[in-house]
Protein backbone atom coordinates (compact mmCIF):
# COMPACT_ATOMS: atom_id res chain seq x y z
CA MET A 1 -40.69 -15.80 -1.96
CA GLU A 2 -42.16 -13.64 0.13
CA ARG A 3 -40.49 -10.48 -0.88
CA SER A 4 -41.30 -11.46 -4.91
CA LEU A 5 -44.97 -11.88 -3.47
CA GLN A 6 -44.68 -8.49 -1.96
CA VAL A 7 -43.65 -6.83 -5.38
CA SER A 8 -46.04 -8.97 -7.08
CA SER A 9 -48.43 -7.78 -5.16
CA SER A 10 -48.13 -4.08 -6.05
CA ASN A 11 -47.40 -4.39 -9.95
CA ASN A 12 -50.34 -7.34 -10.76
CA ALA A 13 -53.93 -7.36 -10.65
CA PRO A 14 -55.30 -9.75 -7.43
CA ARG A 15 -56.18 -13.02 -9.38
CA THR A 16 -52.79 -13.02 -11.41
CA LEU A 17 -51.15 -12.99 -7.37
CA GLU A 18 -53.82 -15.43 -5.96
CA ARG A 19 -52.61 -17.65 -9.02
CA GLU A 20 -48.77 -16.97 -8.22
CA LYS A 21 -49.68 -18.00 -4.87
CA GLU A 22 -51.17 -21.35 -5.56
CA ALA A 23 -48.95 -22.63 -8.62
CA LEU A 24 -46.09 -22.02 -5.66
CA ARG A 25 -47.64 -24.09 -3.19
CA ILE A 26 -48.36 -26.60 -5.37
CA PHE A 27 -45.24 -26.57 -6.68
CA ILE A 28 -42.91 -25.90 -3.70
CA GLY A 29 -44.83 -28.70 -1.69
CA SER A 30 -43.49 -31.21 -4.58
CA PRO A 31 -41.41 -34.08 -3.25
CA GLY A 32 -37.99 -32.55 -3.56
CA VAL A 33 -38.43 -29.10 -3.71
CA GLU A 34 -37.84 -27.92 0.04
CA GLN A 35 -36.52 -24.33 -1.00
CA LEU A 36 -35.66 -22.28 -3.92
CA SER A 37 -31.97 -23.73 -3.99
CA GLY A 38 -33.90 -27.05 -4.39
CA ILE A 39 -35.68 -26.39 -7.99
CA THR A 40 -34.10 -27.58 -11.13
CA PRO A 41 -35.45 -28.58 -14.12
CA VAL A 42 -35.55 -32.25 -13.81
CA LEU A 43 -38.10 -31.49 -10.74
CA MET A 44 -39.87 -28.94 -12.69
CA GLU A 45 -40.35 -31.35 -15.73
CA ASP A 46 -41.68 -34.21 -13.04
CA TYR A 47 -43.92 -31.49 -11.75
CA LYS A 48 -45.55 -31.49 -15.18
CA ALA A 49 -45.75 -34.98 -15.40
CA ARG A 50 -47.43 -35.13 -11.95
CA MET A 51 -49.78 -32.69 -13.18
CA LEU A 52 -50.98 -33.92 -16.11
CA LYS A 53 -52.27 -36.74 -14.75
CA GLY A 54 -54.95 -34.93 -13.15
CA VAL A 55 -55.24 -31.51 -14.91
CA SER A 56 -55.26 -30.38 -18.24
CA ALA A 57 -51.93 -29.25 -20.36
CA ARG A 58 -53.21 -25.62 -20.08
CA THR A 59 -53.59 -25.46 -16.83
CA VAL A 60 -50.03 -26.87 -15.45
CA SER A 61 -48.93 -24.32 -18.89
CA ILE A 62 -50.35 -21.89 -16.69
CA GLU A 63 -48.31 -23.09 -13.12
CA VAL A 64 -45.16 -23.42 -14.76
CA GLY A 65 -45.63 -19.89 -16.51
CA ALA A 66 -46.28 -18.36 -12.75
CA VAL A 67 -43.32 -20.04 -11.43
CA LYS A 68 -40.85 -19.00 -13.71
CA THR A 69 -42.55 -15.58 -13.48
CA MET A 70 -42.00 -15.19 -9.24
CA LEU A 71 -38.79 -16.61 -10.32
CA ASN A 72 -37.47 -14.20 -12.71
CA ARG A 73 -38.62 -11.43 -10.39
CA THR A 74 -36.61 -13.07 -7.25
CA VAL A 75 -33.46 -12.84 -9.68
CA GLU A 76 -34.17 -9.18 -10.53
CA LEU A 77 -34.81 -8.88 -6.61
CA GLY A 78 -31.02 -10.12 -6.26
CA LEU A 79 -32.53 -13.15 -3.83
CA ILE A 80 -30.88 -15.59 -6.47
CA PRO A 81 -28.39 -15.64 -9.42
CA THR A 82 -30.05 -16.96 -12.17
CA ASN A 83 -33.90 -18.55 -12.51
CA PRO A 84 -32.95 -22.45 -12.22
CA ILE A 85 -36.12 -22.98 -14.46
CA ALA A 86 -35.65 -20.47 -17.21
CA SER A 87 -35.11 -23.58 -19.81
CA VAL A 88 -37.79 -25.38 -19.17
CA GLN A 89 -40.62 -24.91 -22.25
CA LYS A 90 -44.24 -24.78 -21.95
CA ILE A 91 -46.50 -27.40 -22.97
CA LYS A 92 -47.57 -27.88 -26.56
CA GLY A 93 -51.13 -27.84 -27.05
CA PRO A 94 -53.05 -28.52 -29.86
CA SER A 95 -53.00 -26.02 -32.84
CA ARG A 96 -56.03 -23.56 -32.94
CA LYS A 97 -55.60 -23.21 -36.06
CA GLY A 98 -58.29 -25.32 -38.37
CA CYS A 99 -60.19 -26.32 -34.77
CA GLY A 100 -63.95 -25.09 -36.48
CA CYS A 101 -63.74 -22.13 -33.97
CA ILE A 102 -66.17 -18.97 -34.68
């Protein structure tokens, strides 16, 4: 992950890098996730469910996206063969159509 973060720091805005680091810190600290090889779609789904108890669906989707992006970058660097959570979907929120927004 460190190598992936180095690449991210040279290709992304500082705020994006911080969001990725924070999402990884929270997810990697989750029960059952001690290292990259331990990441599974089931663990990510459990993580999403736990996070939804305390934060908005949008926040959880952003964090899941950050972890997926970091794992995709790790695949591109040849550090892992595939993204173990590539099949995990974003949380579907309410449609903005007809929300009365101006």
